C-alpha atoms as a PDB file:
ATOM      1  CA  MET A   1      53.531 128.199  91.270  1.00  0.00           C
ATOM      2  CA  ALA A   2      52.859 124.528  90.740  1.00  0.00           C
ATOM      3  CA  SER A   3      52.302 122.143  93.605  1.00  0.00           C
ATOM      4  CA  TYR A   4      54.115 118.904  94.251  1.00  0.00           C
ATOM      5  CA  PRO A   5      52.609 115.953  92.367  1.00  0.00           C
ATOM      6  CA  ALA A   6      51.178 113.232  94.601  1.00  0.00           C
ATOM      7  CA  HIS A   7      53.655 110.597  95.660  1.00  0.00           C
ATOM      8  CA  PRO A   8      52.122 107.515  97.290  1.00  0.00           C
ATOM      9  CA  ASP A   9      54.719 107.017 100.000  1.00  0.00           C
ATOM     10  CA  LEU A  10      55.469 110.653 100.868  1.00  0.00           C
ATOM     11  CA  LEU A  11      52.855 111.144 103.592  1.00  0.00           C
ATOM     12  CA  PRO A  12      53.545 107.809 105.313  1.00  0.00           C
ATOM     13  CA  ARG A  13      57.262 108.683 105.340  1.00  0.00           C
ATOM     14  CA  LEU A  14      56.533 112.060 106.900  1.00  0.00           C
ATOM     15  CA  LYS A  15      54.277 110.450 109.507  1.00  0.00           C
ATOM     16  CA  ARG A  16      57.105 108.043 110.428  1.00  0.00           C
ATOM     17  CA  ILE A  17      59.508 110.952 110.753  1.00  0.00           C
ATOM     18  CA  GLU A  18      56.980 112.766 112.921  1.00  0.00           C
ATOM     19  CA  GLY A  19      56.880 109.692 115.174  1.00  0.00           C
ATOM     20  CA  GLN A  20      60.695 109.614 115.263  1.00  0.00           C
ATOM     21  CA  ILE A  21      60.772 113.239 116.386  1.00  0.00           C
ATOM     22  CA  ARG A  22      58.231 112.556 119.136  1.00  0.00           C
ATOM     23  CA  GLY A  23      60.416 109.650 120.255  1.00  0.00           C
ATOM     24  CA  ILE A  24      63.492 111.888 120.301  1.00  0.00           C
ATOM     25  CA  THR A  25      61.585 114.441 122.376  1.00  0.00           C
ATOM     26  CA  ARG A  26      60.766 111.713 124.893  1.00  0.00           C
ATOM     27  CA  MET A  27      64.403 110.646 124.961  1.00  0.00           C
ATOM     28  CA  VAL A  28      65.474 114.207 125.792  1.00  0.00           C
ATOM     29  CA  GLU A  29      62.758 114.503 128.448  1.00  0.00           C
ATOM     30  CA  GLN A  30      63.969 111.230 129.971  1.00  0.00           C
ATOM     31  CA  ARG A  31      67.573 112.474 129.854  1.00  0.00           C
ATOM     32  CA  ARG A  32      68.678 109.456 127.839  1.00  0.00           C
ATOM     33  CA  TYR A  33      72.284 108.896 126.826  1.00  0.00           C
ATOM     34  CA  CYS A  34      73.498 111.660 124.485  1.00  0.00           C
ATOM     35  CA  ILE A  35      74.900 109.314 121.846  1.00  0.00           C
ATOM     36  CA  ASP A  36      71.567 107.467 121.610  1.00  0.00           C
ATOM     37  CA  ILE A  37      69.780 110.786 121.042  1.00  0.00           C
ATOM     38  CA  ILE A  38      72.327 111.853 118.432  1.00  0.00           C
ATOM     39  CA  GLN A  39      71.903 108.549 116.589  1.00  0.00           C
ATOM     40  CA  GLN A  40      68.138 109.059 116.470  1.00  0.00           C
ATOM     41  CA  LEU A  41      68.556 112.668 115.327  1.00  0.00           C
ATOM     42  CA  THR A  42      70.882 111.472 112.577  1.00  0.00           C
ATOM     43  CA  ALA A  43      68.355 108.868 111.438  1.00  0.00           C
ATOM     44  CA  ALA A  44      65.552 111.457 111.412  1.00  0.00           C
ATOM     45  CA  ARG A  45      67.683 113.900 109.434  1.00  0.00           C
ATOM     46  CA  LYS A  46      68.543 111.218 106.883  1.00  0.00           C
ATOM     47  CA  ALA A  47      64.863 110.323 106.550  1.00  0.00           C
ATOM     48  CA  LEU A  48      64.020 114.006 105.974  1.00  0.00           C
ATOM     49  CA  ASP A  49      66.806 114.198 103.396  1.00  0.00           C
ATOM     50  CA  GLN A  50      65.227 111.287 101.518  1.00  0.00           C
ATOM     51  CA  VAL A  51      61.847 113.054 101.481  1.00  0.00           C
ATOM     52  CA  THR A  52      63.575 116.209 100.265  1.00  0.00           C
ATOM     53  CA  LEU A  53      65.242 114.289  97.443  1.00  0.00           C
ATOM     54  CA  LYS A  54      61.944 112.697  96.388  1.00  0.00           C
ATOM     55  CA  ILE A  55      60.262 116.105  96.261  1.00  0.00           C
ATOM     56  CA  MET A  56      63.244 117.614  94.451  1.00  0.00           C
ATOM     57  CA  ASN A  57      63.130 114.797  91.908  1.00  0.00           C
ATOM     58  CA  GLY A  58      59.429 115.457  91.343  1.00  0.00           C
ATOM     59  CA  HIS A  59      60.128 119.175  90.930  1.00  0.00           C
ATOM     60  CA  ILE A  60      62.861 118.512  88.376  1.00  0.00           C
ATOM     61  CA  ASN A  61      60.678 116.095  86.417  1.00  0.00           C
ATOM     62  CA  THR A  62      57.690 118.438  86.342  1.00  0.00           C
ATOM     63  CA  CYS A  63      58.276 122.150  86.961  1.00  0.00           C
ATOM     64  CA  VAL A  64      61.879 122.398  85.777  1.00  0.00           C
ATOM     65  CA  SER A  65      61.530 120.134  82.751  1.00  0.00           C
ATOM     66  CA  ASP A  66      58.281 121.860  81.708  1.00  0.00           C
ATOM     67  CA  ALA A  67      60.005 125.245  81.921  1.00  0.00           C
ATOM     68  CA  ILE A  68      62.936 123.960  79.856  1.00  0.00           C
ATOM     69  CA  ARG A  69      60.581 122.581  77.203  1.00  0.00           C
ATOM     70  CA  ARG A  70      58.940 126.030  77.036  1.00  0.00           C
ATOM     71  CA  ARG A  71      62.440 127.475  76.573  1.00  0.00           C
ATOM     72  CA  ASP A  72      61.854 129.326  79.821  1.00  0.00           C
ATOM     73  CA  GLY A  73      63.971 127.273  82.197  1.00  0.00           C
ATOM     74  CA  GLU A  74      66.691 129.682  83.339  1.00  0.00           C
ATOM     75  CA  GLU A  75      64.691 130.956  86.318  1.00  0.00           C
ATOM     76  CA  LYS A  76      63.615 127.458  87.431  1.00  0.00           C
ATOM     77  CA  ILE A  77      67.169 126.152  87.129  1.00  0.00           C
ATOM     78  CA  ALA A  78      68.528 129.091  89.159  1.00  0.00           C
ATOM     79  CA  GLU A  79      65.835 128.521  91.793  1.00  0.00           C
ATOM     80  CA  LEU A  80      66.682 124.815  91.914  1.00  0.00           C
ATOM     81  CA  MET A  81      70.406 125.497  92.252  1.00  0.00           C
ATOM     82  CA  THR A  82      69.755 127.887  95.153  1.00  0.00           C
ATOM     83  CA  THR A  83      67.669 125.204  96.817  1.00  0.00           C
ATOM     84  CA  ILE A  84      70.307 122.524  96.249  1.00  0.00           C
ATOM     85  CA  ASN A  85      72.997 124.788  97.695  1.00  0.00           C
ATOM     86  CA  ARG A  86      70.895 125.298 100.839  1.00  0.00           C
ATOM     87  CA  PHE A  87      70.232 121.557 101.055  1.00  0.00           C
ATOM     88  CA  VAL A  88      73.876 120.543 100.947  1.00  0.00           C
ATOM     89  CA  LYS A  89      75.110 123.124 103.479  1.00  0.00           C
END
């Protein structure tokens, strides 16, 4: 199993999301207005979705395309489709 190739902005993005989640936790602890919390949760989810898409793009451009070039891509494509289906649900 190959690992994800380094992406220069991936870790900073994840650190920002981590900070967002800590902020949301504080908002819940402080019993802030529900809509404000939901808006922050939505922003955090969208940020996570963007990280997911970057990683998925890297996977397609490395693992999947390498498997296809080896004429061995059916399993990687099926795995990717399962992952995409989970992502969009």
